[in-house]
Structure formats: structure tokens, C-alpha cells
Amino acid sequence: MKHMNYLEAEPVEMTEAGAHKVRIRTVIGEADGAPNFFMRIVTFEANGASPNHSHPWEHENYILSGRGILEVDGRKVELKPGDVIYIPPNAHHCFRATEPMEMI
């Protein structure tokens, strides 16, 4: 079992090409013995962005605060608090914050 406040996890700057003004806190991951599931809190500063990328696993995200734009395989949607996102495996995707934004 693990119990913590997410603020106890050290934020790590996303440094991949195309990423800027994004920090990730891994609150559940391999170090916790979770081989199939990661929980991360992602914090975007205003105008922050993740790189446009794809990978063989899906994403499930929940917008906690702020607003932004998600692009998946060329389709754009506006994001706001309370939105739930599913991104299928191998889909090209990126997030852009139009104001400070935090998501799980």
C-alpha cells in the first residue's frame, strides 16, 4: 500500500524535444511495484506544451484546473476543468496550455 500527498512527489521538468514549461510528478509508478499503471500529475505553465508524440500505450487523463488544447491525430479539442480524456495507443498527440493547467 502507498499513501501520500501528491505535493510530496518531486516535480521533474519535461525535457524532451518540443516540450516546454511542463513538470511531472510521478505519484505511482514502477518504483512502487506498479508495472502496468503510472499515475502522474502534470503541471503546465501558461503556454506550456508537451511534445507531439505517440507510443504503444493509451492515456487516460483528467483535467484538474486550467485550460488548454489537446491535439490527437490532427483533431483539436479545448480542455477545461473536469474534462476526461482517452487517447488510444499509437495516436499522435500533444497538449498545449492556454493558461496554467494541471491534470492527472
PDB file of N, CA and C in Angstrom:
ATOM      1  N   MET A   1       0.847  -1.180   0.000  1.00  0.00           N
ATOM      2  CA  MET A   1       0.000   0.000   0.000  1.00  0.00           C
ATOM      3  C   MET A   1       0.891   1.243   0.000  1.00  0.00           C
ATOM      4  N   LYS A   2       0.378   2.279  -0.616  1.00  0.00           N
ATOM      5  CA  LYS A   2       1.069   3.562  -0.606  1.00  0.00           C
ATOM      6  C   LYS A   2       0.039   4.642  -0.329  1.00  0.00           C
ATOM      7  N   HIS A   3       0.415   5.598   0.505  1.00  0.00           N
ATOM      8  CA  HIS A   3      -0.445   6.734   0.786  1.00  0.00           C
ATOM      9  C   HIS A   3       0.456   7.956   0.878  1.00  0.00           C
ATOM     10  N   MET A   4       0.121   9.009   0.128  1.00  0.00           N
ATOM     11  CA  MET A   4       0.912  10.236   0.153  1.00  0.00           C
ATOM     12  C   MET A   4       0.084  11.388  -0.383  1.00  0.00           C
ATOM     13  N   ASN A   5       0.555  12.590  -0.167  1.00  0.00           N
ATOM     14  CA  ASN A   5       0.003  13.758  -0.825  1.00  0.00           C
ATOM     15  C   ASN A   5       0.816  13.975  -2.088  1.00  0.00           C
ATOM     16  N   TYR A   6       0.188  14.309  -3.191  1.00  0.00           N
ATOM     17  CA  TYR A   6       0.908  14.433  -4.453  1.00  0.00           C
ATOM     18  C   TYR A   6       2.009  15.488  -4.403  1.00  0.00           C
ATOM     19  N   LEU A   7       1.883  16.476  -3.535  1.00  0.00           N
ATOM     20  CA  LEU A   7       2.907  17.516  -3.430  1.00  0.00           C
ATOM     21  C   LEU A   7       4.213  16.990  -2.835  1.00  0.00           C
ATOM     22  N   GLU A   8       4.168  15.789  -2.250  1.00  0.00           N
ATOM     23  CA  GLU A   8       5.382  15.169  -1.725  1.00  0.00           C
ATOM     24  C   GLU A   8       6.259  14.601  -2.842  1.00  0.00           C
ATOM     25  N   ALA A   9       5.691  14.370  -4.009  1.00  0.00           N
ATOM     26  CA  ALA A   9       6.467  13.852  -5.150  1.00  0.00           C
ATOM     27  C   ALA A   9       7.207  15.014  -5.804  1.00  0.00           C
ATOM     28  N   GLU A  10       8.481  14.826  -6.061  1.00  0.00           N
ATOM     29  CA  GLU A  10       9.312  15.876  -6.649  1.00  0.00           C
ATOM     30  C   GLU A  10       8.886  16.145  -8.096  1.00  0.00           C
ATOM     31  N   PRO A  11       8.620  17.411  -8.450  1.00  0.00           N
ATOM     32  CA  PRO A  11       8.290  17.711  -9.853  1.00  0.00           C
ATOM     33  C   PRO A  11       9.555  17.640 -10.714  1.00  0.00           C
ATOM     34  N   VAL A  12       9.432  17.010 -11.868  1.00  0.00           N
ATOM     35  CA  VAL A  12      10.555  16.858 -12.797  1.00  0.00           C
ATOM     36  C   VAL A  12      10.199  17.572 -14.090  1.00  0.00           C
ATOM     37  N   GLU A  13      11.084  18.448 -14.545  1.00  0.00           N
ATOM     38  CA  GLU A  13      10.857  19.194 -15.789  1.00  0.00           C
ATOM     39  C   GLU A  13      10.884  18.229 -16.974  1.00  0.00           C
ATOM     40  N   MET A  14       9.891  18.323 -17.850  1.00  0.00           N
ATOM     41  CA  MET A  14       9.878  17.530 -19.077  1.00  0.00           C
ATOM     42  C   MET A  14      10.904  18.148 -20.033  1.00  0.00           C
ATOM     43  N   THR A  15      11.872  17.352 -20.479  1.00  0.00           N
ATOM     44  CA  THR A  15      12.973  17.882 -21.280  1.00  0.00           C
ATOM     45  C   THR A  15      13.005  17.353 -22.712  1.00  0.00           C
ATOM     46  N   GLU A  16      12.037  16.548 -23.108  1.00  0.00           N
ATOM     47  CA  GLU A  16      12.003  16.028 -24.467  1.00  0.00           C
ATOM     48  C   GLU A  16      11.880  17.176 -25.467  1.00  0.00           C
ATOM     49  N   ALA A  17      12.419  16.979 -26.661  1.00  0.00           N
ATOM     50  CA  ALA A  17      12.314  17.995 -27.717  1.00  0.00           C
ATOM     51  C   ALA A  17      10.846  18.341 -27.945  1.00  0.00           C
ATOM     52  N   GLY A  18      10.538  19.622 -27.995  1.00  0.00           N
ATOM     53  CA  GLY A  18       9.167  20.080 -28.216  1.00  0.00           C
ATOM     54  C   GLY A  18       8.414  20.360 -26.932  1.00  0.00           C
ATOM     55  N   ALA A  19       8.963  19.942 -25.789  1.00  0.00           N
ATOM     56  CA  ALA A  19       8.308  20.203 -24.503  1.00  0.00           C
ATOM     57  C   ALA A  19       8.868  21.478 -23.898  1.00  0.00           C
ATOM     58  N   HIS A  20       7.993  22.258 -23.285  1.00  0.00           N
ATOM     59  CA  HIS A  20       8.452  23.423 -22.546  1.00  0.00           C
ATOM     60  C   HIS A  20       7.409  23.825 -21.513  1.00  0.00           C
ATOM     61  N   LYS A  21       7.910  24.280 -20.372  1.00  0.00           N
ATOM     62  CA  LYS A  21       7.067  24.757 -19.278  1.00  0.00           C
ATOM     63  C   LYS A  21       6.124  23.672 -18.758  1.00  0.00           C
ATOM     64  N   VAL A  22       6.637  22.414 -18.650  1.00  0.00           N
ATOM     65  CA  VAL A  22       5.840  21.287 -18.167  1.00  0.00           C
ATOM     66  C   VAL A  22       6.640  20.540 -17.098  1.00  0.00           C
ATOM     67  N   ARG A  23       5.982  20.241 -15.970  1.00  0.00           N
ATOM     68  CA  ARG A  23       6.595  19.449 -14.911  1.00  0.00           C
ATOM     69  C   ARG A  23       5.689  18.253 -14.611  1.00  0.00           C
ATOM     70  N   ILE A  24       6.322  17.130 -14.272  1.00  0.00           N
ATOM     71  CA  ILE A  24       5.593  15.888 -13.991  1.00  0.00           C
ATOM     72  C   ILE A  24       5.963  15.386 -12.610  1.00  0.00           C
ATOM     73  N   ARG A  25       4.940  15.035 -11.839  1.00  0.00           N
ATOM     74  CA  ARG A  25       5.134  14.357 -10.554  1.00  0.00           C
ATOM     75  C   ARG A  25       4.611  12.930 -10.722  1.00  0.00           C
ATOM     76  N   THR A  26       5.483  11.946 -10.617  1.00  0.00           N
ATOM     77  CA  THR A  26       5.042  10.551 -10.675  1.00  0.00           C
ATOM     78  C   THR A  26       4.674  10.145  -9.261  1.00  0.00           C
ATOM     79  N   VAL A  27       3.375   9.923  -9.028  1.00  0.00           N
ATOM     80  CA  VAL A  27       2.908   9.570  -7.688  1.00  0.00           C
ATOM     81  C   VAL A  27       2.725   8.064  -7.519  1.00  0.00           C
ATOM     82  N   ILE A  28       2.531   7.342  -8.611  1.00  0.00           N
ATOM     83  CA  ILE A  28       2.521   5.874  -8.602  1.00  0.00           C
ATOM     84  C   ILE A  28       3.256   5.431  -9.855  1.00  0.00           C
ATOM     85  N   GLY A  29       4.216   4.526  -9.692  1.00  0.00           N
ATOM     86  CA  GLY A  29       4.990   4.060 -10.840  1.00  0.00           C
ATOM     87  C   GLY A  29       5.741   2.785 -10.523  1.00  0.00           C
ATOM     88  N   GLU A  30       6.700   2.474 -11.361  1.00  0.00           N
ATOM     89  CA  GLU A  30       7.478   1.245 -11.209  1.00  0.00           C
ATOM     90  C   GLU A  30       8.161   1.157  -9.845  1.00  0.00           C
ATOM     91  N   ALA A  31       8.638   2.284  -9.332  1.00  0.00           N
ATOM     92  CA  ALA A  31       9.308   2.282  -8.028  1.00  0.00           C
ATOM     93  C   ALA A  31       8.377   1.822  -6.906  1.00  0.00           C
ATOM     94  N   ASP A  32       7.071   1.891  -7.144  1.00  0.00           N
ATOM     95  CA  ASP A  32       6.079   1.459  -6.160  1.00  0.00           C
ATOM     96  C   ASP A  32       5.617   0.026  -6.406  1.00  0.00           C
ATOM     97  N   GLY A  33       6.220  -0.641  -7.393  1.00  0.00           N
ATOM     98  CA  GLY A  33       5.821  -2.001  -7.731  1.00  0.00           C
ATOM     99  C   GLY A  33       4.632  -2.058  -8.669  1.00  0.00           C
ATOM    100  N   ALA A  34       4.372  -0.977  -9.400  1.00  0.00           N
ATOM    101  CA  ALA A  34       3.237  -0.914 -10.332  1.00  0.00           C
ATOM    102  C   ALA A  34       3.773  -1.057 -11.762  1.00  0.00           C
ATOM    103  N   PRO A  35       3.825  -2.260 -12.310  1.00  0.00           N
ATOM    104  CA  PRO A  35       4.403  -2.451 -13.635  1.00  0.00           C
ATOM    105  C   PRO A  35       3.501  -2.048 -14.797  1.00  0.00           C
ATOM    106  N   ASN A  36       2.201  -1.923 -14.563  1.00  0.00           N
ATOM    107  CA  ASN A  36       1.256  -1.689 -15.660  1.00  0.00           C
ATOM    108  C   ASN A  36       0.527  -0.353 -15.583  1.00  0.00           C
ATOM    109  N   PHE A  37       0.739   0.399 -14.527  1.00  0.00           N
ATOM    110  CA  PHE A  37      -0.041   1.620 -14.333  1.00  0.00           C
ATOM    111  C   PHE A  37       0.855   2.691 -13.737  1.00  0.00           C
ATOM    112  N   PHE A  38       0.813   3.879 -14.310  1.00  0.00           N
ATOM    113  CA  PHE A  38       1.517   5.024 -13.756  1.00  0.00           C
ATOM    114  C   PHE A  38       0.490   6.112 -13.500  1.00  0.00           C
ATOM    115  N   MET A  39       0.590   6.773 -12.373  1.00  0.00           N
ATOM    116  CA  MET A  39      -0.231   7.946 -12.125  1.00  0.00           C
ATOM    117  C   MET A  39       0.721   9.121 -12.005  1.00  0.00           C
ATOM    118  N   ARG A  40       0.461  10.125 -12.835  1.00  0.00           N
ATOM    119  CA  ARG A  40       1.301  11.317 -12.841  1.00  0.00           C
ATOM    120  C   ARG A  40       0.423  12.553 -12.768  1.00  0.00           C
ATOM    121  N   ILE A  41       0.906  13.539 -12.034  1.00  0.00           N
ATOM    122  CA  ILE A  41       0.282  14.845 -12.021  1.00  0.00           C
ATOM    123  C   ILE A  41       1.145  15.718 -12.927  1.00  0.00           C
ATOM    124  N   VAL A  42       0.540  16.259 -13.974  1.00  0.00           N
ATOM    125  CA  VAL A  42       1.271  17.050 -14.961  1.00  0.00           C
ATOM    126  C   VAL A  42       0.847  18.502 -14.811  1.00  0.00           C
ATOM    127  N   THR A  43       1.828  19.380 -14.635  1.00  0.00           N
ATOM    128  CA  THR A  43       1.579  20.801 -14.444  1.00  0.00           C
ATOM    129  C   THR A  43       2.168  21.577 -15.608  1.00  0.00           C
ATOM    130  N   PHE A  44       1.323  22.341 -16.272  1.00  0.00           N
ATOM    131  CA  PHE A  44       1.730  23.193 -17.396  1.00  0.00           C
ATOM    132  C   PHE A  44       1.680  24.642 -16.949  1.00  0.00           C
ATOM    133  N   GLU A  45       2.735  25.390 -17.225  1.00  0.00           N
ATOM    134  CA  GLU A  45       2.647  26.832 -17.071  1.00  0.00           C
ATOM    135  C   GLU A  45       1.861  27.364 -18.263  1.00  0.00           C
ATOM    136  N   ALA A  46       1.425  28.621 -18.204  1.00  0.00           N
ATOM    137  CA  ALA A  46       0.736  29.219 -19.351  1.00  0.00           C
ATOM    138  C   ALA A  46       1.629  29.088 -20.578  1.00  0.00           C
ATOM    139  N   ASN A  47       1.059  28.671 -21.685  1.00  0.00           N
ATOM    140  CA  ASN A  47       1.757  28.439 -22.956  1.00  0.00           C
ATOM    141  C   ASN A  47       2.717  27.256 -22.915  1.00  0.00           C
ATOM    142  N   GLY A  48       2.641  26.438 -21.884  1.00  0.00           N
ATOM    143  CA  GLY A  48       3.442  25.221 -21.825  1.00  0.00           C
ATOM    144  C   GLY A  48       2.891  24.182 -22.786  1.00  0.00           C
ATOM    145  N   ALA A  49       3.745  23.246 -23.205  1.00  0.00           N
ATOM    146  CA  ALA A  49       3.312  22.233 -24.166  1.00  0.00           C
ATOM    147  C   ALA A  49       4.110  20.951 -24.006  1.00  0.00           C
ATOM    148  N   SER A  50       3.444  19.843 -24.284  1.00  0.00           N
ATOM    149  CA  SER A  50       4.138  18.560 -24.384  1.00  0.00           C
ATOM    150  C   SER A  50       4.549  18.371 -25.838  1.00  0.00           C
ATOM    151  N   PRO A  51       5.525  17.506 -26.102  1.00  0.00           N
ATOM    152  CA  PRO A  51       5.892  17.265 -27.496  1.00  0.00           C
ATOM    153  C   PRO A  51       4.784  16.506 -28.219  1.00  0.00           C
ATOM    154  N   ASN A  52       4.721  16.637 -29.530  1.00  0.00           N
ATOM    155  CA  ASN A  52       3.815  15.815 -30.330  1.00  0.00           C
ATOM    156  C   ASN A  52       4.488  14.459 -30.451  1.00  0.00           C
ATOM    157  N   HIS A  53       3.843  13.426 -29.929  1.00  0.00           N
ATOM    158  CA  HIS A  53       4.473  12.111 -29.869  1.00  0.00           C
ATOM    159  C   HIS A  53       3.419  11.011 -29.908  1.00  0.00           C
ATOM    160  N   SER A  54       3.878   9.777 -29.999  1.00  0.00           N
ATOM    161  CA  SER A  54       2.996   8.610 -29.908  1.00  0.00           C
ATOM    162  C   SER A  54       3.767   7.493 -29.206  1.00  0.00           C
ATOM    163  N   HIS A  55       3.021   6.510 -28.709  1.00  0.00           N
ATOM    164  CA  HIS A  55       3.610   5.352 -28.045  1.00  0.00           C
ATOM    165  C   HIS A  55       2.575   4.231 -28.023  1.00  0.00           C
ATOM    166  N   PRO A  56       2.995   3.008 -27.734  1.00  0.00           N
ATOM    167  CA  PRO A  56       2.072   1.869 -27.845  1.00  0.00           C
ATOM    168  C   PRO A  56       1.098   1.689 -26.674  1.00  0.00           C
ATOM    169  N   TRP A  57       1.039   2.626 -25.748  1.00  0.00           N
ATOM    170  CA  TRP A  57       0.069   2.531 -24.656  1.00  0.00           C
ATOM    171  C   TRP A  57      -0.902   3.706 -24.725  1.00  0.00           C
ATOM    172  N   GLU A  58      -2.053   3.530 -24.092  1.00  0.00           N
ATOM    173  CA  GLU A  58      -3.079   4.562 -24.101  1.00  0.00           C
ATOM    174  C   GLU A  58      -2.837   5.550 -22.966  1.00  0.00           C
ATOM    175  N   HIS A  59      -3.553   6.670 -23.026  1.00  0.00           N
ATOM    176  CA  HIS A  59      -3.578   7.659 -21.940  1.00  0.00           C
ATOM    177  C   HIS A  59      -5.014   7.802 -21.471  1.00  0.00           C
ATOM    178  N   GLU A  60      -5.169   7.956 -20.180  1.00  0.00           N
ATOM    179  CA  GLU A  60      -6.413   8.389 -19.580  1.00  0.00           C
ATOM    180  C   GLU A  60      -6.042   9.599 -18.722  1.00  0.00           C
ATOM    181  N   ASN A  61      -6.664  10.726 -18.966  1.00  0.00           N
ATOM    182  CA  ASN A  61      -6.327  11.951 -18.240  1.00  0.00           C
ATOM    183  C   ASN A  61      -7.589  12.620 -17.722  1.00  0.00           C
ATOM    184  N   TYR A  62      -7.392  13.406 -16.669  1.00  0.00           N
ATOM    185  CA  TYR A  62      -8.470  14.191 -16.069  1.00  0.00           C
ATOM    186  C   TYR A  62      -7.911  15.594 -15.821  1.00  0.00           C
ATOM    187  N   ILE A  63      -8.594  16.613 -16.312  1.00  0.00           N
ATOM    188  CA  ILE A  63      -8.140  17.990 -16.136  1.00  0.00           C
ATOM    189  C   ILE A  63      -8.615  18.490 -14.775  1.00  0.00           C
ATOM    190  N   LEU A  64      -7.653  18.797 -13.915  1.00  0.00           N
ATOM    191  CA  LEU A  64      -7.956  19.293 -12.568  1.00  0.00           C
ATOM    192  C   LEU A  64      -8.231  20.793 -12.568  1.00  0.00           C
ATOM    193  N   SER A  65      -7.393  21.551 -13.285  1.00  0.00           N
ATOM    194  CA  SER A  65      -7.539  23.002 -13.287  1.00  0.00           C
ATOM    195  C   SER A  65      -6.935  23.571 -14.561  1.00  0.00           C
ATOM    196  N   GLY A  66      -7.341  24.777 -14.894  1.00  0.00           N
ATOM    197  CA  GLY A  66      -6.802  25.472 -16.055  1.00  0.00           C
ATOM    198  C   GLY A  66      -7.469  25.076 -17.359  1.00  0.00           C
ATOM    199  N   ARG A  67      -6.897  25.594 -18.436  1.00  0.00           N
ATOM    200  CA  ARG A  67      -7.450  25.341 -19.771  1.00  0.00           C
ATOM    201  C   ARG A  67      -6.323  25.109 -20.759  1.00  0.00           C
ATOM    202  N   GLY A  68      -6.662  24.389 -21.809  1.00  0.00           N
ATOM    203  CA  GLY A  68      -5.666  24.115 -22.837  1.00  0.00           C
ATOM    204  C   GLY A  68      -6.296  23.507 -24.070  1.00  0.00           C
ATOM    205  N   ILE A  69      -5.434  22.999 -24.924  1.00  0.00           N
ATOM    206  CA  ILE A  69      -5.848  22.363 -26.172  1.00  0.00           C
ATOM    207  C   ILE A  69      -5.131  21.031 -26.274  1.00  0.00           C
ATOM    208  N   LEU A  70      -5.878  20.011 -26.632  1.00  0.00           N
ATOM    209  CA  LEU A  70      -5.327  18.689 -26.913  1.00  0.00           C
ATOM    210  C   LEU A  70      -5.472  18.436 -28.400  1.00  0.00           C
ATOM    211  N   GLU A  71      -4.394  17.986 -29.020  1.00  0.00           N
ATOM    212  CA  GLU A  71      -4.449  17.590 -30.427  1.00  0.00           C
ATOM    213  C   GLU A  71      -4.126  16.103 -30.517  1.00  0.00           C
ATOM    214  N   VAL A  72      -5.029  15.342 -31.128  1.00  0.00           N
ATOM    215  CA  VAL A  72      -4.846  13.899 -31.315  1.00  0.00           C
ATOM    216  C   VAL A  72      -5.073  13.585 -32.780  1.00  0.00           C
ATOM    217  N   ASP A  73      -4.014  13.081 -33.432  1.00  0.00           N
ATOM    218  CA  ASP A  73      -4.087  12.734 -34.861  1.00  0.00           C
ATOM    219  C   ASP A  73      -4.721  13.857 -35.683  1.00  0.00           C
ATOM    220  N   GLY A  74      -4.332  15.097 -35.400  1.00  0.00           N
ATOM    221  CA  GLY A  74      -4.797  16.247 -36.170  1.00  0.00           C
ATOM    222  C   GLY A  74      -6.110  16.848 -35.715  1.00  0.00           C
ATOM    223  N   ARG A  75      -6.808  16.204 -34.786  1.00  0.00           N
ATOM    224  CA  ARG A  75      -8.080  16.731 -34.271  1.00  0.00           C
ATOM    225  C   ARG A  75      -7.827  17.484 -32.975  1.00  0.00           C
ATOM    226  N   LYS A  76      -8.325  18.713 -32.872  1.00  0.00           N
ATOM    227  CA  LYS A  76      -8.112  19.546 -31.688  1.00  0.00           C
ATOM    228  C   LYS A  76      -9.390  19.668 -30.871  1.00  0.00           C
ATOM    229  N   VAL A  77      -9.221  19.621 -29.546  1.00  0.00           N
ATOM    230  CA  VAL A  77     -10.334  19.862 -28.624  1.00  0.00           C
ATOM    231  C   VAL A  77      -9.857  20.806 -27.535  1.00  0.00           C
ATOM    232  N   GLU A  78     -10.761  21.654 -27.065  1.00  0.00           N
ATOM    233  CA  GLU A  78     -10.453  22.558 -25.963  1.00  0.00           C
ATOM    234  C   GLU A  78     -10.653  21.813 -24.649  1.00  0.00           C
ATOM    235  N   LEU A  79      -9.750  22.060 -23.700  1.00  0.00           N
ATOM    236  CA  LEU A  79      -9.788  21.388 -22.406  1.00  0.00           C
ATOM    237  C   LEU A  79     -10.143  22.375 -21.305  1.00  0.00           C
ATOM    238  N   LYS A  80     -10.902  21.892 -20.315  1.00  0.00           N
ATOM    239  CA  LYS A  80     -11.289  22.697 -19.159  1.00  0.00           C
ATOM    240  C   LYS A  80     -11.391  21.776 -17.949  1.00  0.00           C
ATOM    241  N   PRO A  81     -11.434  22.338 -16.744  1.00  0.00           N
ATOM    242  CA  PRO A  81     -11.538  21.506 -15.545  1.00  0.00           C
ATOM    243  C   PRO A  81     -12.721  20.543 -15.612  1.00  0.00           C
ATOM    244  N   GLY A  82     -12.457  19.319 -15.185  1.00  0.00           N
ATOM    245  CA  GLY A  82     -13.483  18.277 -15.188  1.00  0.00           C
ATOM    246  C   GLY A  82     -13.501  17.429 -16.435  1.00  0.00           C
ATOM    247  N   ASP A  83     -12.795  17.842 -17.491  1.00  0.00           N
ATOM    248  CA  ASP A  83     -12.773  17.045 -18.725  1.00  0.00           C
ATOM    249  C   ASP A  83     -11.995  15.746 -18.517  1.00  0.00           C
ATOM    250  N   VAL A  84     -12.500  14.692 -19.139  1.00  0.00           N
ATOM    251  CA  VAL A  84     -11.876  13.373 -19.132  1.00  0.00           C
ATOM    252  C   VAL A  84     -11.404  13.079 -20.542  1.00  0.00           C
ATOM    253  N   ILE A  85     -10.210  12.519 -20.659  1.00  0.00           N
ATOM    254  CA  ILE A  85      -9.592  12.283 -21.968  1.00  0.00           C
ATOM    255  C   ILE A  85      -9.170  10.834 -22.077  1.00  0.00           C
ATOM    256  N   TYR A  86      -9.415  10.252 -23.231  1.00  0.00           N
ATOM    257  CA  TYR A  86      -8.848   8.937 -23.577  1.00  0.00           C
ATOM    258  C   TYR A  86      -8.116   9.113 -24.899  1.00  0.00           C
ATOM    259  N   ILE A  87      -6.838   8.751 -24.910  1.00  0.00           N
ATOM    260  CA  ILE A  87      -6.030   8.790 -26.135  1.00  0.00           C
ATOM    261  C   ILE A  87      -5.613   7.363 -26.431  1.00  0.00           C
ATOM    262  N   PRO A  88      -6.014   6.811 -27.586  1.00  0.00           N
ATOM    263  CA  PRO A  88      -5.709   5.421 -27.903  1.00  0.00           C
ATOM    264  C   PRO A  88      -4.209   5.180 -28.128  1.00  0.00           C
ATOM    265  N   PRO A  89      -3.774   3.931 -28.019  1.00  0.00           N
ATOM    266  CA  PRO A  89      -2.381   3.605 -28.310  1.00  0.00           C
ATOM    267  C   PRO A  89      -2.008   4.046 -29.726  1.00  0.00           C
ATOM    268  N   ASN A  90      -0.772   4.471 -29.888  1.00  0.00           N
ATOM    269  CA  ASN A  90      -0.173   4.846 -31.178  1.00  0.00           C
ATOM    270  C   ASN A  90      -0.743   6.112 -31.800  1.00  0.00           C
ATOM    271  N   ALA A  91      -1.638   6.808 -31.125  1.00  0.00           N
ATOM    272  CA  ALA A  91      -2.172   8.066 -31.651  1.00  0.00           C
ATOM    273  C   ALA A  91      -1.148   9.178 -31.404  1.00  0.00           C
ATOM    274  N   HIS A  92      -0.915  10.014 -32.400  1.00  0.00           N
ATOM    275  CA  HIS A  92      -0.034  11.174 -32.240  1.00  0.00           C
ATOM    276  C   HIS A  92      -0.803  12.227 -31.450  1.00  0.00           C
ATOM    277  N   HIS A  93      -0.180  12.748 -30.393  1.00  0.00           N
ATOM    278  CA  HIS A  93      -0.890  13.681 -29.518  1.00  0.00           C
ATOM    279  C   HIS A  93       0.058  14.669 -28.858  1.00  0.00           C
ATOM    280  N   CYS A  94      -0.514  15.822 -28.489  1.00  0.00           N
ATOM    281  CA  CYS A  94       0.209  16.813 -27.704  1.00  0.00           C
ATOM    282  C   CYS A  94      -0.794  17.683 -26.960  1.00  0.00           C
ATOM    283  N   PHE A  95      -0.338  18.223 -25.831  1.00  0.00           N
ATOM    284  CA  PHE A  95      -1.125  19.131 -25.005  1.00  0.00           C
ATOM    285  C   PHE A  95      -0.492  20.508 -25.075  1.00  0.00           C
ATOM    286  N   ARG A  96      -1.325  21.551 -25.102  1.00  0.00           N
ATOM    287  CA  ARG A  96      -0.857  22.935 -25.020  1.00  0.00           C
ATOM    288  C   ARG A  96      -1.752  23.666 -24.025  1.00  0.00           C
ATOM    289  N   ALA A  97      -1.130  24.312 -23.066  1.00  0.00           N
ATOM    290  CA  ALA A  97      -1.889  25.050 -22.049  1.00  0.00           C
ATOM    291  C   ALA A  97      -2.105  26.488 -22.511  1.00  0.00           C
ATOM    292  N   THR A  98      -3.338  26.943 -22.475  1.00  0.00           N
ATOM    293  CA  THR A  98      -3.621  28.345 -22.810  1.00  0.00           C
ATOM    294  C   THR A  98      -3.574  29.213 -21.551  1.00  0.00           C
ATOM    295  N   GLU A  99      -3.586  28.561 -20.390  1.00  0.00           N
ATOM    296  CA  GLU A  99      -3.402  29.196 -19.096  1.00  0.00           C
ATOM    297  C   GLU A  99      -2.796  28.102 -18.206  1.00  0.00           C
ATOM    298  N   PRO A 100      -2.306  28.421 -17.014  1.00  0.00           N
ATOM    299  CA  PRO A 100      -1.767  27.347 -16.186  1.00  0.00           C
ATOM    300  C   PRO A 100      -2.788  26.202 -16.071  1.00  0.00           C
ATOM    301  N   MET A 101      -2.306  24.973 -16.244  1.00  0.00           N
ATOM    302  CA  MET A 101      -3.200  23.812 -16.283  1.00  0.00           C
ATOM    303  C   MET A 101      -2.556  22.661 -15.521  1.00  0.00           C
ATOM    304  N   GLU A 102      -3.388  21.897 -14.809  1.00  0.00           N
ATOM    305  CA  GLU A 102      -2.908  20.710 -14.106  1.00  0.00           C
ATOM    306  C   GLU A 102      -3.831  19.557 -14.427  1.00  0.00           C
ATOM    307  N   MET A 103      -3.233  18.385 -14.662  1.00  0.00           N
ATOM    308  CA  MET A 103      -4.038  17.203 -14.991  1.00  0.00           C
ATOM    309  C   MET A 103      -3.422  15.955 -14.388  1.00  0.00           C
ATOM    310  N   ILE A 104      -4.255  14.959 -14.236  1.00  0.00           N
ATOM    311  CA  ILE A 104      -3.810  13.623 -13.842  1.00  0.00           C
ATOM    312  C   ILE A 104      -3.718  12.815 -15.118  1.00  0.00           C
TER     313      ILE A 104
END
